Amino acid sequence: MGALFEFLLRQGDNTLVLGHRVSEWCGTAPALEEDIALANTALDLIGQTKMWLGLAGEIEGKGRSADDLAYHRDVWDFRNLLLLERPNGDFGHTLLRQFLFDAFQVPSLRALQASSHPRVAEIAAKALKEALYHLERSRETVVALGDGTAQSNQIMQRALAALWPYTGEMFIADAVDDAMEAEGIAPALSALRPEWEALVRTVLAEAMLTVPEGDFAHQGGKSGKQHTEHLGHMLAAMQFLPRAYPDARW
């Protein structure tokens, strides 16, 4: 139960943190169409969060709901990828971060559809439909911005340099990941890397962007030990109302 609970937290925390980050664009995106699209992406991710954290609460067996797990844990208890808590930056930075995650989430969800745990397989099947759309949109936007003007290309290249070192964490397995693979609940993370890297490198080439040299540097978000002040600030805003008014009913 412990490993499965941790695995479900990781799935839910990834979509929760990214969903909140994307929602920060609501009302401030560079165009109305993009504003609506980003808001819809955020809603999709939060919907996935409710399914993952809802199941996590059931597995834990302590009566905690998805809302409890989202709003009443402290920063060190979150298990999201460090990539996803990074500040939005500019529009191109946000969409590149989205693409790097979408390219990972799609093959991950595809594999999870064959999970030995029926509920995990069910959630994955529902989430995959949304993730495929997210990937299509983020891919097209990254190519359009990278292969646009000289200025937009420079902006995207800077974003890639900032985000690339965080991508390696997606494929670093620990005891939880090993247990999920052994039980047939989730695929080996190493098995997802070839498809991710092939797609990412193809799209970045289409976008006229140069992949930074060197291997991946950052890891540890899933352990809860290396979260930055960025997540702390984000949670302070996200969790304010439910913590200030714990008995409120809307």
Foldseek 3Di string as FASTA:
>chain_A
DVLLLLVLLALLLQLQLLLLLLLVCQPPAPDPVVNVVSPVSSVLSNVLNQLSLQVSCVVVPPPDHSCCSQQPDALLPHQYQLLRLDHCPHPLLSLVSLLLVLLLLLVFLVLQLQAPDPSSVVSSVVSNVSSVVSNVVSLVVLLCQLQDDPVSVVVNQVSLVVRVLRSVQQQDDDPSLVVRCVNRNGNRSVVRPVSSVVVVVVSCVSSVYDHDDDDHDDYDSNSSPDHDVSVVVSSCVVNVVCVVCVPDDD
